[in-house]
Amino acid sequence: FKKFVRERLEVRVGDRLTLDLTMAVGSLEETVTVTAQSPLLEMGSASAGQVIDEKRIALMPLSDGNPFVLARLVPGVAYTGDLKFSRPFDNAGTSSITADGSSGGNEFTLDGSPNMANKASGVPRVAYVPPAGAVSEFKVSTASFDAADGHTAGAMVNVTLKSGTNQFKGDSYDYKRSDKLSATDFFVNKAGGTKPSLKYDRPGGSLGGPIDRNRTFFFGAVEWLYDQFPEPGPRTVPTQAERNGDFSALLSQGLVIYDPTTAQLVNGRVVRTPFAGNVVPAGRISPVAAAVLKYYPLPNQAGDAQGRNNYFSINPRSDDFYSIATRVDHRISEKQQVFVRYTRNDRRESRNAFFGEVNGVVPTGNFLFRKNDGVTYDHVYTMSPSALLDVRAGWQRFQEPNVRQHEGIFDPASLGFPSSVTSLFGGAKY
C-alpha cells in the first residue's frame, strides 16, 4: 500500500475525531501526505458547541480573572445574571447562562469529573472556578446529545486544566485598583459624605515542569483576590422622639398608631382605638423593645415626609478569596498514564454592616464563607490499538456557612428577657 501521512490533527476537549482513510495500492516509492484542515462539518457527534482555547483565555480581557465569562461569547449562549457578580467566587453569577434559550440548569465538569455545588438543593451551580492561568481550554456544548452529558437541559461546560511538561514554565501577575483613581459615589456626594475606601488587589501565578523528565510532571497555580468597596445607600431608623413613643409627627401624613389591646369586633370588622396624639405612653413601651432600640443609630440626615431614609450608610463590603489548582501527571509505561489533581477555593465575605458598631455591638452584618475542595484521580490504559480504558474517580465538597458578625458575643438576657425565656433558646448564639 501507499504510505499515507496526515498531519496537524488537533483533538480538543470533548471532541470525537472521525478519520475516513482509504488504503490505496501503490509501489514502494509512493508517498501521499495530507495536511489536515479544520473540518467544516462535525461528523463524530451530533452535539454543538465551541472550544475556548488557551490563547483566547490569555489574550481576552477577563472580569476579575474569571475564565468562565468567555462562555458568554459562544453562539447561542446568553448571560442572565448581574454583571457585577462575575468574580471567581460568585458561583451563582458564573453559572447564570442559558444555552439556545433553555432555562434548565447547566453542568460544569473539571477534567471530566463533576464540578457542581448544591445539586441536591435544586439550585445547581459551578463549585470550583480555577485561575485563568490554570486552564488549558474549555468547551461549551450548547446542544448536547451525548449520553454522557445527561441530567441537564442547559449548557455543558467541560474544563481541562494544564499539565506540566519537560520545560519549566511559569508566570506571575498582580492587578490593583484603589480609591485614588475612582470617583466618589453619587449618593455619597449627595449625602455630603467623604469618599469611602476602595481597595482591589489580585495577585497570582503558576508554575509547571518536570519532576522526572519524560515520566513525571507537575503544575500548580494560585490566585488571591482582596476586594473592599462600599455599597452606599439610605436606611430608615427610629428618631429620638419615636424611641420615646412619640409618633405625633406622622399624623400630618395620615399615619395613626393604634392601641393593640383595644381590638374589638364591630359589625363584622376589627376596630381599635388610636393612642391620643399618636403618642404611646411610657408605661406601655416594652422594656425589651426599648433595649433593642439602643442598638439602632440615630438619624444622620433628613428623611422624607414620613421619616423614611433618614440614615445614610456607607455599608462597606469586603471579600477575601484564594484559589489553588495543583496537578501531577505520571507516565507508568507506553500504555499507562495517571494524574492526580487537587483544587481549592476559599472565600470570606463581610457585608450588610449598615450601622457599623453601635454601643459596643455590630447589630447588623454577616460573614459568608464558601469553601470548596476537590480531588480527582484518572488512570488511562491503552489495552490495544482499538480499546482504551479510562478509570476516573472524583470527590467534591462545597461548604457555605453564613454567620452573623456579632454571633456568640451578645447575651439576650441583657435585653431584659427573663430566664424562663432565655432557657428556651437552647444552644442558639446571638
Protein backbone atom coordinates (compact mmCIF):
# COMPACT_ATOMS: atom_id res chain seq x y z
CA PHE A 1 0.00 0.00 0.00
CA LYS A 2 0.99 3.62 -0.42
CA LYS A 3 2.41 5.34 2.58
CA PHE A 4 -0.20 7.73 4.00
CA VAL A 5 0.63 10.61 6.36
CA ARG A 6 -1.93 13.00 7.84
CA GLU A 7 -0.57 15.87 9.90
CA ARG A 8 -1.78 18.63 12.23
CA LEU A 9 -4.72 16.77 13.66
CA GLU A 10 -5.98 18.69 16.67
CA VAL A 11 -8.10 16.95 19.29
CA ARG A 12 -9.69 19.32 21.79
CA VAL A 13 -11.67 18.81 24.96
CA GLY A 14 -14.90 16.92 24.28
CA ASP A 15 -14.04 16.23 20.63
CA ARG A 16 -14.68 12.98 18.77
CA LEU A 17 -12.42 12.88 15.75
CA THR A 18 -13.57 10.90 12.70
CA LEU A 19 -10.95 9.95 10.09
CA ASP A 20 -12.07 8.29 6.87
CA LEU A 21 -8.95 6.69 5.36
CA THR A 22 -8.66 4.71 2.15
CA MET A 23 -5.71 2.35 1.73
CA ALA A 24 -4.54 2.57 -1.89
CA VAL A 25 -2.31 0.06 -3.61
CA GLY A 26 0.95 1.59 -4.72
CA SER A 27 4.60 0.97 -5.31
CA LEU A 28 7.20 1.04 -2.58
CA GLU A 29 8.35 4.53 -3.61
CA GLU A 30 4.97 6.32 -3.49
CA THR A 31 4.01 8.54 -0.52
CA VAL A 32 0.82 10.56 -0.03
CA THR A 33 0.95 13.42 2.52
CA VAL A 34 -2.20 15.32 3.50
CA THR A 35 -2.15 18.33 5.81
CA ALA A 36 -5.36 18.39 7.85
CA GLN A 37 -7.56 21.44 7.91
CA SER A 38 -10.35 22.32 10.32
CA PRO A 39 -13.40 20.23 9.38
CA LEU A 40 -16.36 22.18 8.02
CA LEU A 41 -18.83 19.64 9.35
CA GLU A 42 -18.76 17.77 12.67
CA MET A 43 -19.04 14.09 11.74
CA GLY A 44 -18.22 12.42 15.04
CA SER A 45 -21.02 13.83 17.19
CA ALA A 46 -24.44 15.46 16.90
CA SER A 47 -23.61 17.91 19.69
CA ALA A 48 -22.96 21.59 19.02
CA GLY A 49 -20.65 23.93 20.88
CA GLN A 50 -17.40 25.86 20.84
CA VAL A 51 -13.97 25.48 22.40
CA ILE A 52 -12.38 28.41 24.23
CA ASP A 53 -8.66 27.72 23.87
CA GLU A 54 -5.66 28.81 25.92
CA LYS A 55 -4.81 31.66 23.55
CA ARG A 56 -8.23 33.27 23.92
CA ILE A 57 -8.09 32.89 27.69
CA ALA A 58 -4.68 34.57 27.79
CA LEU A 59 -5.45 37.46 25.42
CA MET A 60 -9.10 38.30 26.08
CA PRO A 61 -9.96 40.69 28.94
CA LEU A 62 -11.43 38.77 31.87
CA SER A 63 -13.69 40.22 34.52
CA ASP A 64 -11.83 39.67 37.81
CA GLY A 65 -9.83 36.82 36.24
CA ASN A 66 -12.84 34.52 35.88
CA PRO A 67 -12.23 32.40 32.73
CA PHE A 68 -15.88 31.35 32.52
CA VAL A 69 -17.01 34.83 31.45
CA LEU A 70 -15.74 33.85 27.98
CA ALA A 71 -18.54 31.28 27.78
CA ARG A 72 -20.85 34.23 27.08
CA LEU A 73 -19.14 34.67 23.69
CA VAL A 74 -20.29 31.27 22.44
CA PRO A 75 -23.11 31.45 19.84
CA GLY A 76 -26.43 30.57 21.42
CA VAL A 77 -25.33 31.49 24.96
CA ALA A 78 -26.88 34.42 26.83
CA TYR A 79 -25.94 35.75 30.25
CA THR A 80 -28.90 36.13 32.64
CA GLY A 81 -27.20 37.27 35.84
CA ASP A 82 -25.95 40.55 37.31
CA LEU A 83 -22.80 41.74 35.57
CA LYS A 84 -21.39 42.85 38.93
CA PHE A 85 -21.26 39.26 40.09
CA SER A 86 -18.75 37.74 37.69
CA ARG A 87 -15.93 37.29 40.18
CA PRO A 88 -14.41 33.81 40.62
CA PHE A 89 -16.24 33.35 43.95
CA ASP A 90 -19.62 34.37 42.51
CA ASN A 91 -20.66 30.78 41.85
CA ALA A 92 -24.29 31.58 41.07
CA GLY A 93 -23.40 34.53 38.84
CA THR A 94 -20.82 32.46 36.97
CA SER A 95 -23.44 29.78 36.28
CA SER A 96 -26.13 32.22 35.10
CA ILE A 97 -26.14 31.42 31.39
CA THR A 98 -28.74 29.95 29.08
CA ALA A 99 -27.95 27.84 26.03
CA ASP A 100 -30.14 28.22 22.94
CA GLY A 101 -32.99 29.55 25.06
CA SER A 102 -33.01 26.66 27.51
CA SER A 103 -33.55 27.76 31.09
CA GLY A 104 -32.50 24.44 32.57
CA GLY A 105 -29.55 24.05 34.89
CA ASN A 106 -26.08 23.98 33.39
CA GLU A 107 -23.47 21.31 34.04
CA PHE A 108 -19.80 22.00 34.74
CA THR A 109 -17.04 19.38 34.71
CA LEU A 110 -13.35 19.64 35.54
CA ASP A 111 -11.02 17.20 33.80
CA GLY A 112 -14.06 15.01 33.23
CA SER A 113 -15.23 15.00 36.87
CA PRO A 114 -18.43 16.72 38.06
CA ASN A 115 -17.81 20.26 39.28
CA MET A 116 -21.19 21.19 40.75
CA ALA A 117 -22.38 22.59 44.08
CA ASN A 118 -25.76 22.26 45.77
CA LYS A 119 -27.06 19.89 43.14
CA ALA A 120 -29.48 18.26 45.58
CA SER A 121 -30.96 21.59 46.76
CA GLY A 122 -32.41 22.44 43.36
CA VAL A 123 -30.01 25.37 42.85
CA PRO A 124 -27.17 23.83 40.79
CA ARG A 125 -24.12 26.00 40.19
CA VAL A 126 -20.45 25.60 39.49
CA ALA A 127 -18.41 24.66 42.55
CA TYR A 128 -14.78 25.43 41.65
CA VAL A 129 -13.68 28.30 39.42
CA PRO A 130 -9.97 27.86 38.52
CA PRO A 131 -7.50 30.69 38.00
CA ALA A 132 -7.43 31.64 34.33
CA GLY A 133 -3.74 30.73 34.14
CA ALA A 134 -4.53 27.14 35.14
CA VAL A 135 -6.99 26.46 32.31
CA SER A 136 -5.75 24.75 29.15
CA GLU A 137 -9.12 25.08 27.41
CA PHE A 138 -12.80 24.52 27.94
CA LYS A 139 -15.71 23.60 25.72
CA VAL A 140 -19.25 24.96 25.97
CA SER A 141 -21.72 22.49 24.46
CA THR A 142 -24.99 24.27 23.74
CA ALA A 143 -26.83 21.28 22.28
CA SER A 144 -25.52 18.04 23.69
CA PHE A 145 -26.96 14.73 22.55
CA ASP A 146 -24.27 12.58 24.15
CA ALA A 147 -25.50 10.12 26.79
CA ALA A 148 -22.50 11.09 28.93
CA ASP A 149 -23.95 14.60 29.25
CA GLY A 150 -27.29 13.66 30.76
CA HIS A 151 -29.37 15.13 33.61
CA THR A 152 -29.20 18.70 32.32
CA ALA A 153 -31.22 20.75 29.85
CA GLY A 154 -28.69 23.57 29.73
CA ALA A 155 -25.12 24.01 28.62
CA MET A 156 -22.26 21.59 29.28
CA VAL A 157 -19.02 23.34 30.26
CA ASN A 158 -16.10 20.90 30.23
CA VAL A 159 -12.80 22.32 31.53
CA THR A 160 -9.32 20.89 31.10
CA LEU A 161 -6.56 22.13 33.39
CA LYS A 162 -2.96 22.49 32.30
CA SER A 163 -0.31 19.82 32.85
CA GLY A 164 3.42 20.11 33.37
CA THR A 165 5.90 19.43 30.55
CA ASN A 166 9.63 18.75 30.18
CA GLN A 167 10.26 22.50 30.33
CA PHE A 168 9.76 24.73 33.34
CA LYS A 169 7.17 27.41 32.60
CA GLY A 170 5.57 29.92 34.89
CA ASP A 171 4.17 33.38 35.28
CA SER A 172 3.21 35.90 37.95
CA TYR A 173 0.98 38.97 37.99
CA ASP A 174 -0.75 41.49 40.22
CA TYR A 175 -3.76 43.64 39.36
CA LYS A 176 -4.52 46.60 41.61
CA ARG A 177 -7.20 49.26 41.92
CA SER A 178 -7.65 51.93 44.60
CA ASP A 179 -9.96 54.78 45.57
CA LYS A 180 -7.32 57.27 44.38
CA LEU A 181 -8.30 56.53 40.78
CA SER A 182 -12.04 56.10 41.41
CA ALA A 183 -14.81 58.69 41.55
CA THR A 184 -16.92 59.23 44.65
CA ASP A 185 -20.30 57.53 44.52
CA PHE A 186 -23.23 59.79 43.56
CA PHE A 187 -25.18 59.03 46.76
CA VAL A 188 -22.12 59.69 48.91
CA ASN A 189 -21.77 63.12 47.33
CA LYS A 190 -25.47 63.78 47.75
CA ALA A 191 -25.28 62.96 51.45
CA GLY A 192 -22.22 65.20 51.85
CA GLY A 193 -20.01 62.29 52.84
CA THR A 194 -16.34 61.65 52.16
CA LYS A 195 -15.07 59.16 49.62
CA PRO A 196 -15.13 55.67 51.20
CA SER A 197 -12.23 53.28 51.00
CA LEU A 198 -11.93 51.13 47.88
CA LYS A 199 -9.15 48.58 47.51
CA TYR A 200 -8.72 45.83 44.94
CA ASP A 201 -5.72 43.53 44.73
CA ARG A 202 -5.49 40.32 42.68
CA PRO A 203 -2.03 38.72 42.67
CA GLY A 204 -1.28 35.23 41.42
CA GLY A 205 0.92 32.98 39.35
CA SER A 206 1.57 29.49 38.04
CA LEU A 207 4.49 27.10 37.60
CA GLY A 208 4.84 23.78 35.81
CA GLY A 209 7.66 21.47 34.84
CA PRO A 210 9.24 18.03 35.16
CA ILE A 211 9.79 16.03 38.33
CA ASP A 212 11.32 13.14 36.37
CA ARG A 213 11.87 14.04 32.73
CA ASN A 214 9.62 12.23 30.26
CA ARG A 215 7.79 10.47 33.12
CA THR A 216 6.50 12.70 35.92
CA PHE A 217 5.35 16.30 35.70
CA PHE A 218 3.75 18.87 37.99
CA PHE A 219 1.69 22.00 37.56
CA GLY A 220 0.35 24.46 40.11
CA ALA A 221 -1.48 27.77 40.06
CA VAL A 222 -2.64 30.11 42.82
CA GLU A 223 -4.56 33.36 42.87
CA TRP A 224 -5.70 35.71 45.63
CA LEU A 225 -8.37 38.38 45.45
CA TYR A 226 -8.83 41.11 48.06
CA ASP A 227 -11.79 43.33 47.27
CA GLN A 228 -13.05 46.11 49.54
CA PHE A 229 -15.69 48.51 48.29
CA PRO A 230 -18.74 50.44 49.54
CA GLU A 231 -22.40 49.75 48.88
CA PRO A 232 -23.79 53.13 49.99
CA GLY A 233 -27.47 53.85 50.36
CA PRO A 234 -30.22 55.24 52.61
CA ARG A 235 -31.77 53.37 55.53
CA THR A 236 -34.57 54.13 57.97
CA VAL A 237 -34.01 54.29 61.74
CA PRO A 238 -36.28 55.49 64.60
CA THR A 239 -35.91 59.10 65.70
CA GLN A 240 -35.31 60.05 69.32
CA ALA A 241 -38.98 61.08 69.65
CA GLU A 242 -40.14 57.73 68.24
CA ARG A 243 -37.92 55.86 70.68
CA ASN A 244 -39.85 57.64 73.44
CA GLY A 245 -43.16 56.64 71.89
CA ASP A 246 -43.92 59.98 70.23
CA PHE A 247 -45.18 59.48 66.66
CA SER A 248 -47.11 62.75 66.51
CA ALA A 249 -45.01 63.94 63.56
CA LEU A 250 -46.66 61.28 61.41
CA LEU A 251 -50.23 62.46 61.99
CA SER A 252 -49.94 65.01 59.18
CA GLN A 253 -49.21 62.10 56.84
CA GLY A 254 -52.29 60.18 57.94
CA LEU A 255 -50.27 57.56 59.82
CA VAL A 256 -52.06 56.59 63.04
CA ILE A 257 -50.72 54.37 65.84
CA TYR A 258 -53.46 52.19 67.35
CA ASP A 259 -53.59 50.56 70.77
CA PRO A 260 -53.38 46.80 70.06
CA THR A 261 -55.12 45.94 73.36
CA THR A 262 -58.35 47.69 72.33
CA ALA A 263 -59.19 45.47 69.37
CA GLN A 264 -62.87 44.52 69.20
CA LEU A 265 -65.31 43.21 66.62
CA VAL A 266 -67.82 45.84 65.40
CA ASN A 267 -70.24 44.98 62.59
CA GLY A 268 -68.01 42.14 61.49
CA ARG A 269 -64.85 44.26 61.41
CA VAL A 270 -61.98 44.56 63.88
CA VAL A 271 -61.57 48.13 65.14
CA ARG A 272 -59.04 49.61 67.55
CA THR A 273 -58.66 52.85 69.45
CA PRO A 274 -55.75 55.13 68.45
CA PHE A 275 -53.31 56.43 71.02
CA ALA A 276 -54.08 60.00 71.99
CA GLY A 277 -51.98 62.39 69.92
CA ASN A 278 -50.22 59.41 68.32
CA VAL A 279 -48.09 59.06 71.46
CA VAL A 280 -47.52 55.68 73.11
CA PRO A 281 -47.48 56.12 76.91
CA ALA A 282 -44.10 55.41 78.50
CA GLY A 283 -45.64 52.67 80.62
CA ARG A 284 -46.78 50.82 77.52
CA ILE A 285 -43.34 50.61 75.91
CA SER A 286 -41.82 47.14 76.26
CA PRO A 287 -38.52 47.19 78.20
CA VAL A 288 -37.17 44.59 75.76
CA ALA A 289 -38.10 46.77 72.77
CA ALA A 290 -36.52 49.81 74.43
CA ALA A 291 -33.32 47.81 74.98
CA VAL A 292 -33.27 46.70 71.33
CA LEU A 293 -33.63 50.32 70.18
CA LYS A 294 -30.28 51.13 71.81
CA TYR A 295 -28.60 49.20 69.01
CA TYR A 296 -30.07 51.40 66.29
CA PRO A 297 -28.16 54.59 65.48
CA LEU A 298 -29.87 57.96 65.43
CA PRO A 299 -30.71 59.59 62.07
CA ASN A 300 -27.82 61.36 60.37
CA GLN A 301 -29.82 63.08 57.63
CA ALA A 302 -33.31 64.43 56.99
CA GLY A 303 -35.80 61.84 55.81
CA ASP A 304 -38.89 62.22 53.67
CA ALA A 305 -42.26 63.44 54.94
CA GLN A 306 -42.92 60.06 56.55
CA GLY A 307 -39.48 59.88 58.14
CA ARG A 308 -38.08 57.26 55.79
CA ASN A 309 -34.49 57.14 54.51
CA ASN A 310 -33.22 59.28 57.38
CA TYR A 311 -29.92 57.45 57.77
CA PHE A 312 -27.17 57.26 55.16
CA SER A 313 -24.88 54.25 55.34
CA ILE A 314 -21.57 53.73 53.56
CA ASN A 315 -22.08 49.98 54.12
CA PRO A 316 -18.53 48.73 53.47
CA ARG A 317 -18.22 45.30 51.92
CA SER A 318 -15.12 43.14 51.63
CA ASP A 319 -14.16 39.80 50.11
CA ASP A 320 -11.01 37.80 50.79
CA PHE A 321 -10.52 34.89 48.40
CA TYR A 322 -7.88 32.49 47.16
CA SER A 323 -7.87 29.68 44.62
CA ILE A 324 -5.42 26.78 44.25
CA ALA A 325 -5.05 24.25 41.43
CA THR A 326 -2.39 21.51 41.54
CA ARG A 327 -1.86 18.54 39.27
CA VAL A 328 0.73 15.75 38.98
CA ASP A 329 0.94 13.56 35.86
CA HIS A 330 2.90 10.29 35.75
CA ARG A 331 3.65 8.08 32.78
CA ILE A 332 3.81 4.50 34.02
CA SER A 333 4.61 3.00 30.63
CA GLU A 334 3.86 3.46 26.95
CA LYS A 335 0.38 2.14 27.62
CA GLN A 336 -0.47 3.60 31.02
CA GLN A 337 -0.55 7.08 32.49
CA VAL A 338 -2.22 8.63 35.53
CA PHE A 339 -2.80 12.04 37.02
CA VAL A 340 -3.92 13.32 40.42
CA ARG A 341 -5.44 16.78 40.83
CA TYR A 342 -6.32 18.83 43.91
CA THR A 343 -8.25 22.11 43.81
CA ARG A 344 -9.44 24.54 46.46
CA ASN A 345 -11.43 27.78 46.65
CA ASP A 346 -11.76 29.71 49.90
CA ARG A 347 -13.81 32.88 50.29
CA ARG A 348 -14.73 35.07 53.26
CA GLU A 349 -17.23 37.85 52.67
CA SER A 350 -18.22 40.61 55.10
CA ARG A 351 -21.33 42.60 54.21
CA ASN A 352 -24.54 44.30 55.39
CA ALA A 353 -22.98 46.01 58.42
CA PHE A 354 -25.18 49.01 57.69
CA PHE A 355 -24.70 50.79 61.02
CA GLY A 356 -21.20 49.75 61.99
CA GLU A 357 -20.64 49.46 65.73
CA VAL A 358 -23.42 50.75 68.00
CA ASN A 359 -22.96 50.66 71.80
CA GLY A 360 -20.14 48.15 71.51
CA VAL A 361 -22.03 45.73 69.23
CA VAL A 362 -22.25 45.34 65.44
CA PRO A 363 -26.04 44.85 65.28
CA THR A 364 -26.23 44.02 61.57
CA GLY A 365 -23.96 42.29 59.12
CA ASN A 366 -22.88 38.77 58.39
CA PHE A 367 -19.91 36.71 57.28
CA LEU A 368 -20.43 34.40 54.32
CA PHE A 369 -17.91 31.60 53.84
CA ARG A 370 -17.51 29.46 50.75
CA LYS A 371 -15.03 26.64 50.99
CA ASN A 372 -14.64 24.16 48.17
CA ASP A 373 -12.22 21.22 47.93
CA GLY A 374 -11.92 18.73 45.11
CA VAL A 375 -9.73 15.72 44.29
CA THR A 376 -9.62 13.72 41.05
CA TYR A 377 -7.68 10.58 40.12
CA ASP A 378 -7.53 9.44 36.49
CA HIS A 379 -5.89 6.28 35.08
CA VAL A 380 -5.71 5.68 31.31
CA TYR A 381 -4.72 2.25 29.97
CA THR A 382 -4.33 1.59 26.24
CA MET A 383 -5.33 -2.05 26.10
CA SER A 384 -4.96 -2.45 22.31
CA PRO A 385 -4.95 -0.26 19.18
CA SER A 386 -8.76 -0.34 19.28
CA ALA A 387 -9.51 -0.43 23.03
CA LEU A 388 -8.80 2.14 25.71
CA LEU A 389 -9.76 2.02 29.40
CA ASP A 390 -10.14 5.26 31.35
CA VAL A 391 -10.87 4.92 35.08
CA ARG A 392 -11.66 8.16 36.91
CA ALA A 393 -12.70 8.93 40.48
CA GLY A 394 -13.54 12.36 41.86
CA TRP A 395 -14.54 13.87 45.22
CA GLN A 396 -16.01 17.32 45.76
CA ARG A 397 -17.04 19.18 48.93
CA PHE A 398 -18.75 22.58 48.94
CA GLN A 399 -19.43 24.36 52.24
CA GLU A 400 -21.31 27.64 52.60
CA PRO A 401 -21.86 28.68 56.25
CA ASN A 402 -23.40 32.07 57.00
CA VAL A 403 -22.52 33.66 60.36
CA ARG A 404 -23.73 36.91 61.91
CA GLN A 405 -20.88 39.26 62.76
CA HIS A 406 -21.91 39.54 66.42
CA GLU A 407 -22.75 35.85 66.82
CA GLY A 408 -21.68 34.36 70.12
CA ILE A 409 -20.76 37.66 71.81
CA PHE A 410 -24.22 39.04 72.61
CA ASP A 411 -26.24 37.98 75.66
CA PRO A 412 -30.03 38.04 75.05
CA ALA A 413 -30.57 38.36 78.81
CA SER A 414 -29.10 41.86 78.59
CA LEU A 415 -32.21 42.90 76.65
CA GLY A 416 -34.40 42.07 79.62
CA PHE A 417 -35.67 38.64 78.62
CA PRO A 418 -36.43 36.60 81.76
CA SER A 419 -34.51 33.39 82.38
CA SER A 420 -37.67 31.40 81.61
CA VAL A 421 -37.45 32.73 78.06
CA THR A 422 -33.68 32.62 77.51
CA SER A 423 -33.65 28.97 78.65
CA LEU A 424 -35.78 28.17 75.61
CA PHE A 425 -33.11 29.48 73.26
CA GLY A 426 -31.02 26.36 73.83
CA GLY A 427 -27.61 26.49 72.19
CA ALA A 428 -28.51 29.32 69.81
CA LYS A 429 -25.84 32.01 69.57
CA TYR A 430 -26.55 35.73 69.34
